[in-house]
Amino acid sequence: MNSLKPEDTAIYYCAATPAPTSQIPMATILYNS
């Protein structure tokens, strides 16, 4: 993370899914770890 801004302030979570979808999913429900 470069050029950080105050609006970047948050708790950051790593996530993973075994499904190789055509597009990298953006919905939280599609990640299981």
PDB file of all heavy atoms in Angstrom:
ATOM      1  N   MET A   1       0.846  -1.184   0.000  1.00  0.00           N
ATOM      2  CA  MET A   1       0.000   0.000   0.000  1.00  0.00           C
ATOM      3  C   MET A   1       0.886   1.240   0.000  1.00  0.00           C
ATOM      4  O   MET A   1       1.629   1.474   0.953  1.00  0.00           O
ATOM      5  CB  MET A   1      -0.932   0.008   1.209  1.00  0.00           C
ATOM      6  CG  MET A   1      -1.790  -1.250   1.322  1.00  0.00           C
ATOM      7  SD  MET A   1      -3.003  -1.152   2.655  1.00  0.00           S
ATOM      8  CE  MET A   1      -1.908  -1.088   4.079  1.00  0.00           C
ATOM      9  N   ASN A   2       0.805   2.028  -1.066  1.00  0.00           N
ATOM     10  CA  ASN A   2       1.571   3.257  -1.209  1.00  0.00           C
ATOM     11  C   ASN A   2       0.639   4.455  -1.284  1.00  0.00           C
ATOM     12  O   ASN A   2      -0.550   4.325  -1.551  1.00  0.00           O
ATOM     13  CB  ASN A   2       2.443   3.204  -2.462  1.00  0.00           C
ATOM     14  CG  ASN A   2       3.430   2.070  -2.452  1.00  0.00           C
ATOM     15  OD1 ASN A   2       4.027   1.765  -1.423  1.00  0.00           O
ATOM     16  ND2 ASN A   2       3.628   1.449  -3.614  1.00  0.00           N
ATOM     17  N   SER A   3       1.200   5.641  -1.082  1.00  0.00           N
ATOM     18  CA  SER A   3       0.440   6.893  -1.146  1.00  0.00           C
ATOM     19  C   SER A   3      -0.829   6.812  -0.316  1.00  0.00           C
ATOM     20  O   SER A   3      -1.920   7.172  -0.765  1.00  0.00           O
ATOM     21  CB  SER A   3       0.115   7.238  -2.606  1.00  0.00           C
ATOM     22  OG  SER A   3       1.294   7.369  -3.376  1.00  0.00           O
ATOM     23  N   LEU A   4      -0.697   6.355   0.906  1.00  0.00           N
ATOM     24  CA  LEU A   4      -1.857   6.119   1.760  1.00  0.00           C
ATOM     25  C   LEU A   4      -2.571   7.419   2.106  1.00  0.00           C
ATOM     26  O   LEU A   4      -1.946   8.467   2.279  1.00  0.00           O
ATOM     27  CB  LEU A   4      -1.435   5.391   3.026  1.00  0.00           C
ATOM     28  CG  LEU A   4      -1.172   3.896   2.838  1.00  0.00           C
ATOM     29  CD1 LEU A   4      -0.366   3.334   3.993  1.00  0.00           C
ATOM     30  CD2 LEU A   4      -2.496   3.146   2.696  1.00  0.00           C
ATOM     31  N   LYS A   5      -3.895   7.323   2.198  1.00  0.00           N
ATOM     32  CA  LYS A   5      -4.762   8.444   2.515  1.00  0.00           C
ATOM     33  C   LYS A   5      -5.528   8.149   3.798  1.00  0.00           C
ATOM     34  O   LYS A   5      -5.739   6.992   4.141  1.00  0.00           O
ATOM     35  CB  LYS A   5      -5.759   8.688   1.380  1.00  0.00           C
ATOM     36  CG  LYS A   5      -5.134   8.883   0.013  1.00  0.00           C
ATOM     37  CD  LYS A   5      -6.208   8.988  -1.061  1.00  0.00           C
ATOM     38  CE  LYS A   5      -5.599   9.165  -2.430  1.00  0.00           C
ATOM     39  NZ  LYS A   5      -6.651   9.243  -3.485  1.00  0.00           N
ATOM     40  N   PRO A   6      -5.980   9.189   4.512  1.00  0.00           N
ATOM     41  CA  PRO A   6      -6.776   8.935   5.716  1.00  0.00           C
ATOM     42  C   PRO A   6      -7.995   8.058   5.460  1.00  0.00           C
ATOM     43  O   PRO A   6      -8.383   7.282   6.346  1.00  0.00           O
ATOM     44  CB  PRO A   6      -7.176  10.338   6.169  1.00  0.00           C
ATOM     45  CG  PRO A   6      -6.064  11.210   5.682  1.00  0.00           C
ATOM     46  CD  PRO A   6      -5.658  10.623   4.362  1.00  0.00           C
ATOM     47  N   GLU A   7      -8.605   8.148   4.284  1.00  0.00           N
ATOM     48  CA  GLU A   7      -9.768   7.329   3.975  1.00  0.00           C
ATOM     49  C   GLU A   7      -9.434   5.852   3.781  1.00  0.00           C
ATOM     50  O   GLU A   7     -10.342   5.026   3.644  1.00  0.00           O
ATOM     51  CB  GLU A   7     -10.512   7.865   2.744  1.00  0.00           C
ATOM     52  CG  GLU A   7      -9.613   8.118   1.550  1.00  0.00           C
ATOM     53  CD  GLU A   7      -9.200   9.571   1.420  1.00  0.00           C
ATOM     54  OE1 GLU A   7      -8.792  10.171   2.427  1.00  0.00           O
ATOM     55  OE2 GLU A   7      -9.290  10.114   0.300  1.00  0.00           O
ATOM     56  N   ASP A   8      -8.149   5.494   3.765  1.00  0.00           N
ATOM     57  CA  ASP A   8      -7.746   4.095   3.744  1.00  0.00           C
ATOM     58  C   ASP A   8      -7.795   3.465   5.129  1.00  0.00           C
ATOM     59  O   ASP A   8      -7.598   2.248   5.251  1.00  0.00           O
ATOM     60  CB  ASP A   8      -6.334   3.950   3.181  1.00  0.00           C
ATOM     61  CG  ASP A   8      -6.234   4.351   1.721  1.00  0.00           C
ATOM     62  OD1 ASP A   8      -7.150   4.021   0.940  1.00  0.00           O
ATOM     63  OD2 ASP A   8      -5.237   5.003   1.352  1.00  0.00           O
ATOM     64  N   THR A   9      -8.024   4.244   6.155  1.00  0.00           N
ATOM     65  CA  THR A   9      -8.079   3.732   7.517  1.00  0.00           C
ATOM     66  C   THR A   9      -9.199   2.706   7.651  1.00  0.00           C
ATOM     67  O   THR A   9     -10.356   2.992   7.347  1.00  0.00           O
ATOM     68  CB  THR A   9      -8.284   4.870   8.516  1.00  0.00           C
ATOM     69  OG1 THR A   9      -7.144   5.733   8.485  1.00  0.00           O
ATOM     70  CG2 THR A   9      -8.473   4.335   9.925  1.00  0.00           C
ATOM     71  N   ALA A  10      -8.858   1.495   8.105  1.00  0.00           N
ATOM     72  CA  ALA A  10      -9.821   0.408   8.221  1.00  0.00           C
ATOM     73  C   ALA A  10      -9.137  -0.804   8.823  1.00  0.00           C
ATOM     74  O   ALA A  10      -7.908  -0.839   8.966  1.00  0.00           O
ATOM     75  CB  ALA A  10     -10.399   0.040   6.850  1.00  0.00           C
ATOM     76  N   ILE A  11      -9.936  -1.809   9.168  1.00  0.00           N
ATOM     77  CA  ILE A  11      -9.409  -3.129   9.457  1.00  0.00           C
ATOM     78  C   ILE A  11      -9.316  -3.877   8.130  1.00  0.00           C
ATOM     79  O   ILE A  11     -10.296  -3.954   7.388  1.00  0.00           O
ATOM     80  CB  ILE A  11     -10.294  -3.900  10.450  1.00  0.00           C
ATOM     81  CG1 ILE A  11     -10.396  -3.142  11.773  1.00  0.00           C
ATOM     82  CG2 ILE A  11      -9.732  -5.295  10.689  1.00  0.00           C
ATOM     83  CD1 ILE A  11     -11.344  -3.775  12.767  1.00  0.00           C
ATOM     84  N   TYR A  12      -8.151  -4.426   7.837  1.00  0.00           N
ATOM     85  CA  TYR A  12      -7.912  -5.133   6.587  1.00  0.00           C
ATOM     86  C   TYR A  12      -7.932  -6.635   6.835  1.00  0.00           C
ATOM     87  O   TYR A  12      -7.285  -7.137   7.756  1.00  0.00           O
ATOM     88  CB  TYR A  12      -6.578  -4.711   5.976  1.00  0.00           C
ATOM     89  CG  TYR A  12      -6.645  -3.359   5.304  1.00  0.00           C
ATOM     90  CD1 TYR A  12      -6.780  -2.199   6.062  1.00  0.00           C
ATOM     91  CD2 TYR A  12      -6.600  -3.248   3.917  1.00  0.00           C
ATOM     92  CE1 TYR A  12      -6.868  -0.961   5.450  1.00  0.00           C
ATOM     93  CE2 TYR A  12      -6.676  -2.011   3.304  1.00  0.00           C
ATOM     94  CZ  TYR A  12      -6.811  -0.869   4.069  1.00  0.00           C
ATOM     95  OH  TYR A  12      -6.891   0.361   3.465  1.00  0.00           O
ATOM     96  N   TYR A  13      -8.678  -7.372   5.992  1.00  0.00           N
ATOM     97  CA  TYR A  13      -8.855  -8.808   6.124  1.00  0.00           C
ATOM     98  C   TYR A  13      -8.340  -9.531   4.885  1.00  0.00           C
ATOM     99  O   TYR A  13      -8.688  -9.163   3.759  1.00  0.00           O
ATOM    100  CB  TYR A  13     -10.333  -9.168   6.307  1.00  0.00           C
ATOM    101  CG  TYR A  13     -10.969  -8.605   7.554  1.00  0.00           C
ATOM    102  CD1 TYR A  13     -11.574  -7.353   7.542  1.00  0.00           C
ATOM    103  CD2 TYR A  13     -10.977  -9.332   8.734  1.00  0.00           C
ATOM    104  CE1 TYR A  13     -12.168  -6.836   8.682  1.00  0.00           C
ATOM    105  CE2 TYR A  13     -11.576  -8.820   9.874  1.00  0.00           C
ATOM    106  CZ  TYR A  13     -12.169  -7.572   9.839  1.00  0.00           C
ATOM    107  OH  TYR A  13     -12.760  -7.075  10.979  1.00  0.00           O
ATOM    108  N   CYS A  14      -7.552 -10.564   5.079  1.00  0.00           N
ATOM    109  CA  CYS A  14      -7.154 -11.464   4.015  1.00  0.00           C
ATOM    110  C   CYS A  14      -8.233 -12.519   3.821  1.00  0.00           C
ATOM    111  O   CYS A  14      -8.845 -12.975   4.792  1.00  0.00           O
ATOM    112  CB  CYS A  14      -5.814 -12.119   4.350  1.00  0.00           C
ATOM    113  SG  CYS A  14      -5.132 -13.154   3.046  1.00  0.00           S
ATOM    114  N   ALA A  15      -8.495 -12.907   2.573  1.00  0.00           N
ATOM    115  CA  ALA A  15      -9.529 -13.885   2.268  1.00  0.00           C
ATOM    116  C   ALA A  15      -9.074 -14.797   1.135  1.00  0.00           C
ATOM    117  O   ALA A  15      -8.200 -14.435   0.340  1.00  0.00           O
ATOM    118  CB  ALA A  15     -10.836 -13.185   1.885  1.00  0.00           C
ATOM    119  N   ALA A  16      -9.697 -15.984   1.041  1.00  0.00           N
ATOM    120  CA  ALA A  16      -9.336 -16.953   0.013  1.00  0.00           C
ATOM    121  C   ALA A  16     -10.539 -17.780  -0.390  1.00  0.00           C
ATOM    122  O   ALA A  16     -11.467 -17.980   0.392  1.00  0.00           O
ATOM    123  CB  ALA A  16      -8.213 -17.869   0.504  1.00  0.00           C
ATOM    124  N   THR A  17     -10.511 -18.268  -1.639  1.00  0.00           N
ATOM    125  CA  THR A  17     -11.547 -19.153  -2.160  1.00  0.00           C
ATOM    126  C   THR A  17     -10.915 -20.183  -3.078  1.00  0.00           C
ATOM    127  O   THR A  17      -9.976 -19.867  -3.814  1.00  0.00           O
ATOM    128  CB  THR A  17     -12.636 -18.366  -2.918  1.00  0.00           C
ATOM    129  OG1 THR A  17     -13.571 -19.286  -3.485  1.00  0.00           O
ATOM    130  CG2 THR A  17     -12.038 -17.517  -4.037  1.00  0.00           C
ATOM    131  N   PRO A  18     -11.411 -21.438  -3.077  1.00  0.00           N
ATOM    132  CA  PRO A  18     -10.860 -22.452  -3.976  1.00  0.00           C
ATOM    133  C   PRO A  18     -11.388 -22.379  -5.392  1.00  0.00           C
ATOM    134  O   PRO A  18     -10.864 -23.063  -6.265  1.00  0.00           O
ATOM    135  CB  PRO A  18     -11.291 -23.767  -3.318  1.00  0.00           C
ATOM    136  CG  PRO A  18     -12.569 -23.425  -2.637  1.00  0.00           C
ATOM    137  CD  PRO A  18     -12.403 -22.010  -2.146  1.00  0.00           C
ATOM    138  N   ALA A  19     -12.420 -21.579  -5.658  1.00  0.00           N
ATOM    139  CA  ALA A  19     -13.080 -21.555  -6.953  1.00  0.00           C
ATOM    140  C   ALA A  19     -12.358 -20.622  -7.918  1.00  0.00           C
ATOM    141  O   ALA A  19     -12.311 -19.412  -7.673  1.00  0.00           O
ATOM    142  CB  ALA A  19     -14.531 -21.128  -6.807  1.00  0.00           C
ATOM    143  N   PRO A  20     -11.811 -21.150  -9.028  1.00  0.00           N
ATOM    144  CA  PRO A  20     -11.147 -20.308 -10.030  1.00  0.00           C
ATOM    145  C   PRO A  20     -12.160 -19.711 -11.000  1.00  0.00           C
ATOM    146  O   PRO A  20     -12.299 -20.170 -12.134  1.00  0.00           O
ATOM    147  CB  PRO A  20     -10.186 -21.272 -10.715  1.00  0.00           C
ATOM    148  CG  PRO A  20     -10.882 -22.591 -10.641  1.00  0.00           C
ATOM    149  CD  PRO A  20     -11.671 -22.583  -9.346  1.00  0.00           C
ATOM    150  N   THR A  21     -12.866 -18.697 -10.581  1.00  0.00           N
ATOM    151  CA  THR A  21     -13.879 -18.050 -11.407  1.00  0.00           C
ATOM    152  C   THR A  21     -13.228 -17.233 -12.523  1.00  0.00           C
ATOM    153  O   THR A  21     -12.045 -16.912 -12.474  1.00  0.00           O
ATOM    154  CB  THR A  21     -14.778 -17.149 -10.558  1.00  0.00           C
ATOM    155  OG1 THR A  21     -13.971 -16.240  -9.809  1.00  0.00           O
ATOM    156  CG2 THR A  21     -15.604 -17.987  -9.589  1.00  0.00           C
ATOM    157  N   SER A  22     -14.047 -16.907 -13.543  1.00  0.00           N
ATOM    158  CA  SER A  22     -13.537 -16.173 -14.694  1.00  0.00           C
ATOM    159  C   SER A  22     -13.060 -14.779 -14.308  1.00  0.00           C
ATOM    160  O   SER A  22     -12.129 -14.245 -14.921  1.00  0.00           O
ATOM    161  CB  SER A  22     -14.604 -16.087 -15.782  1.00  0.00           C
ATOM    162  OG  SER A  22     -15.783 -15.474 -15.290  1.00  0.00           O
ATOM    163  N   GLN A  23     -13.711 -14.179 -13.328  1.00  0.00           N
ATOM    164  CA  GLN A  23     -13.275 -12.909 -12.763  1.00  0.00           C
ATOM    165  C   GLN A  23     -13.008 -13.088 -11.274  1.00  0.00           C
ATOM    166  O   GLN A  23     -13.706 -13.848 -10.603  1.00  0.00           O
ATOM    167  CB  GLN A  23     -14.329 -11.821 -12.960  1.00  0.00           C
ATOM    168  CG  GLN A  23     -14.325 -11.164 -14.324  1.00  0.00           C
ATOM    169  CD  GLN A  23     -15.177  -9.906 -14.333  1.00  0.00           C
ATOM    170  OE1 GLN A  23     -16.342  -9.945 -13.943  1.00  0.00           O
ATOM    171  NE2 GLN A  23     -14.602  -8.802 -14.769  1.00  0.00           N
ATOM    172  N   ILE A  24     -12.021 -12.392 -10.761  1.00  0.00           N
ATOM    173  CA  ILE A  24     -11.770 -12.414  -9.324  1.00  0.00           C
ATOM    174  C   ILE A  24     -12.983 -11.812  -8.634  1.00  0.00           C
ATOM    175  O   ILE A  24     -13.345 -10.672  -8.896  1.00  0.00           O
ATOM    176  CB  ILE A  24     -10.494 -11.637  -8.983  1.00  0.00           C
ATOM    177  CG1 ILE A  24      -9.283 -12.341  -9.588  1.00  0.00           C
ATOM    178  CG2 ILE A  24     -10.345 -11.485  -7.481  1.00  0.00           C
ATOM    179  CD1 ILE A  24      -8.000 -11.561  -9.479  1.00  0.00           C
ATOM    180  N   PRO A  25     -13.643 -12.571  -7.746  1.00  0.00           N
ATOM    181  CA  PRO A  25     -14.886 -12.071  -7.141  1.00  0.00           C
ATOM    182  C   PRO A  25     -14.636 -10.950  -6.156  1.00  0.00           C
ATOM    183  O   PRO A  25     -13.600 -10.897  -5.485  1.00  0.00           O
ATOM    184  CB  PRO A  25     -15.465 -13.316  -6.459  1.00  0.00           C
ATOM    185  CG  PRO A  25     -14.279 -14.182  -6.177  1.00  0.00           C
ATOM    186  CD  PRO A  25     -13.316 -13.930  -7.314  1.00  0.00           C
ATOM    187  N   MET A  26     -15.624 -10.054  -6.065  1.00  0.00           N
ATOM    188  CA  MET A  26     -15.561  -8.929  -5.154  1.00  0.00           C
ATOM    189  C   MET A  26     -16.513  -9.072  -3.972  1.00  0.00           C
ATOM    190  O   MET A  26     -16.412  -8.289  -3.027  1.00  0.00           O
ATOM    191  CB  MET A  26     -15.876  -7.621  -5.895  1.00  0.00           C
ATOM    192  CG  MET A  26     -14.912  -7.320  -7.037  1.00  0.00           C
ATOM    193  SD  MET A  26     -15.337  -5.817  -7.967  1.00  0.00           S
ATOM    194  CE  MET A  26     -15.036  -4.560  -6.741  1.00  0.00           C
ATOM    195  N   ALA A  27     -17.422 -10.043  -4.021  1.00  0.00           N
ATOM    196  CA  ALA A  27     -18.418 -10.230  -2.977  1.00  0.00           C
ATOM    197  C   ALA A  27     -17.847 -11.056  -1.837  1.00  0.00           C
ATOM    198  O   ALA A  27     -17.239 -12.107  -2.054  1.00  0.00           O
ATOM    199  CB  ALA A  27     -19.663 -10.895  -3.532  1.00  0.00           C
ATOM    200  N   THR A  28     -18.071 -10.620  -0.621  1.00  0.00           N
ATOM    201  CA  THR A  28     -17.546 -11.326   0.550  1.00  0.00           C
ATOM    202  C   THR A  28     -18.085 -12.742   0.660  1.00  0.00           C
ATOM    203  O   THR A  28     -17.373 -13.640   1.116  1.00  0.00           O
ATOM    204  CB  THR A  28     -17.877 -10.559   1.837  1.00  0.00           C
ATOM    205  OG1 THR A  28     -19.296 -10.401   1.956  1.00  0.00           O
ATOM    206  CG2 THR A  28     -17.216  -9.186   1.828  1.00  0.00           C
ATOM    207  N   ILE A  29     -19.332 -12.973   0.215  1.00  0.00           N
ATOM    208  CA  ILE A  29     -19.961 -14.278   0.359  1.00  0.00           C
ATOM    209  C   ILE A  29     -19.269 -15.345  -0.477  1.00  0.00           C
ATOM    210  O   ILE A  29     -19.409 -16.539  -0.204  1.00  0.00           O
ATOM    211  CB  ILE A  29     -21.461 -14.190   0.011  1.00  0.00           C
ATOM    212  CG1 ILE A  29     -22.217 -15.417   0.506  1.00  0.00           C
ATOM    213  CG2 ILE A  29     -21.649 -13.985  -1.485  1.00  0.00           C
ATOM    214  CD1 ILE A  29     -23.715 -15.300   0.358  1.00  0.00           C
ATOM    215  N   LEU A  30     -18.500 -14.959  -1.479  1.00  0.00           N
ATOM    216  CA  LEU A  30     -17.824 -15.908  -2.354  1.00  0.00           C
ATOM    217  C   LEU A  30     -16.466 -16.349  -1.821  1.00  0.00           C
ATOM    218  O   LEU A  30     -15.799 -17.169  -2.456  1.00  0.00           O
ATOM    219  CB  LEU A  30     -17.681 -15.313  -3.750  1.00  0.00           C
ATOM    220  CG  LEU A  30     -19.006 -14.994  -4.453  1.00  0.00           C
ATOM    221  CD1 LEU A  30     -18.753 -14.378  -5.822  1.00  0.00           C
ATOM    222  CD2 LEU A  30     -19.869 -16.234  -4.581  1.00  0.00           C
ATOM    223  N   TYR A  31     -16.055 -15.850  -0.697  1.00  0.00           N
ATOM    224  CA  TYR A  31     -14.816 -16.260  -0.047  1.00  0.00           C
ATOM    225  C   TYR A  31     -15.136 -17.078   1.198  1.00  0.00           C
ATOM    226  O   TYR A  31     -15.990 -16.681   2.003  1.00  0.00           O
ATOM    227  CB  TYR A  31     -13.957 -15.049   0.318  1.00  0.00           C
ATOM    228  CG  TYR A  31     -13.386 -14.352  -0.887  1.00  0.00           C
ATOM    229  CD1 TYR A  31     -14.156 -13.483  -1.639  1.00  0.00           C
ATOM    230  CD2 TYR A  31     -12.069 -14.572  -1.275  1.00  0.00           C
ATOM    231  CE1 TYR A  31     -13.633 -12.856  -2.756  1.00  0.00           C
ATOM    232  CE2 TYR A  31     -11.535 -13.946  -2.385  1.00  0.00           C
ATOM    233  CZ  TYR A  31     -12.322 -13.089  -3.125  1.00  0.00           C
ATOM    234  OH  TYR A  31     -11.796 -12.460  -4.229  1.00  0.00           O
ATOM    235  N   ASN A  32     -14.471 -18.215   1.365  1.00  0.00           N
ATOM    236  CA  ASN A  32     -14.803 -19.126   2.453  1.00  0.00           C
ATOM    237  C   ASN A  32     -13.741 -19.215   3.542  1.00  0.00           C
ATOM    238  O   ASN A  32     -13.939 -19.922   4.534  1.00  0.00           O
ATOM    239  CB  ASN A  32     -15.101 -20.527   1.909  1.00  0.00           C
ATOM    240  CG  ASN A  32     -13.900 -21.169   1.247  1.00  0.00           C
ATOM    241  OD1 ASN A  32     -12.887 -20.533   0.990  1.00  0.00           O
ATOM    242  ND2 ASN A  32     -14.022 -22.469   0.963  1.00  0.00           N
ATOM    243  N   SER A  33     -12.616 -18.530   3.380  1.00  0.00           N
ATOM    244  CA  SER A  33     -11.573 -18.499   4.398  1.00  0.00           C
ATOM    245  C   SER A  33     -11.185 -17.062   4.671  1.00  0.00           C
ATOM    246  O   SER A  33     -11.021 -16.269   3.738  1.00  0.00           O
ATOM    247  CB  SER A  33     -10.345 -19.292   3.957  1.00  0.00           C
ATOM    248  OG  SER A  33     -10.654 -20.669   3.798  1.00  0.00           O
TER     249      SER A  33
END
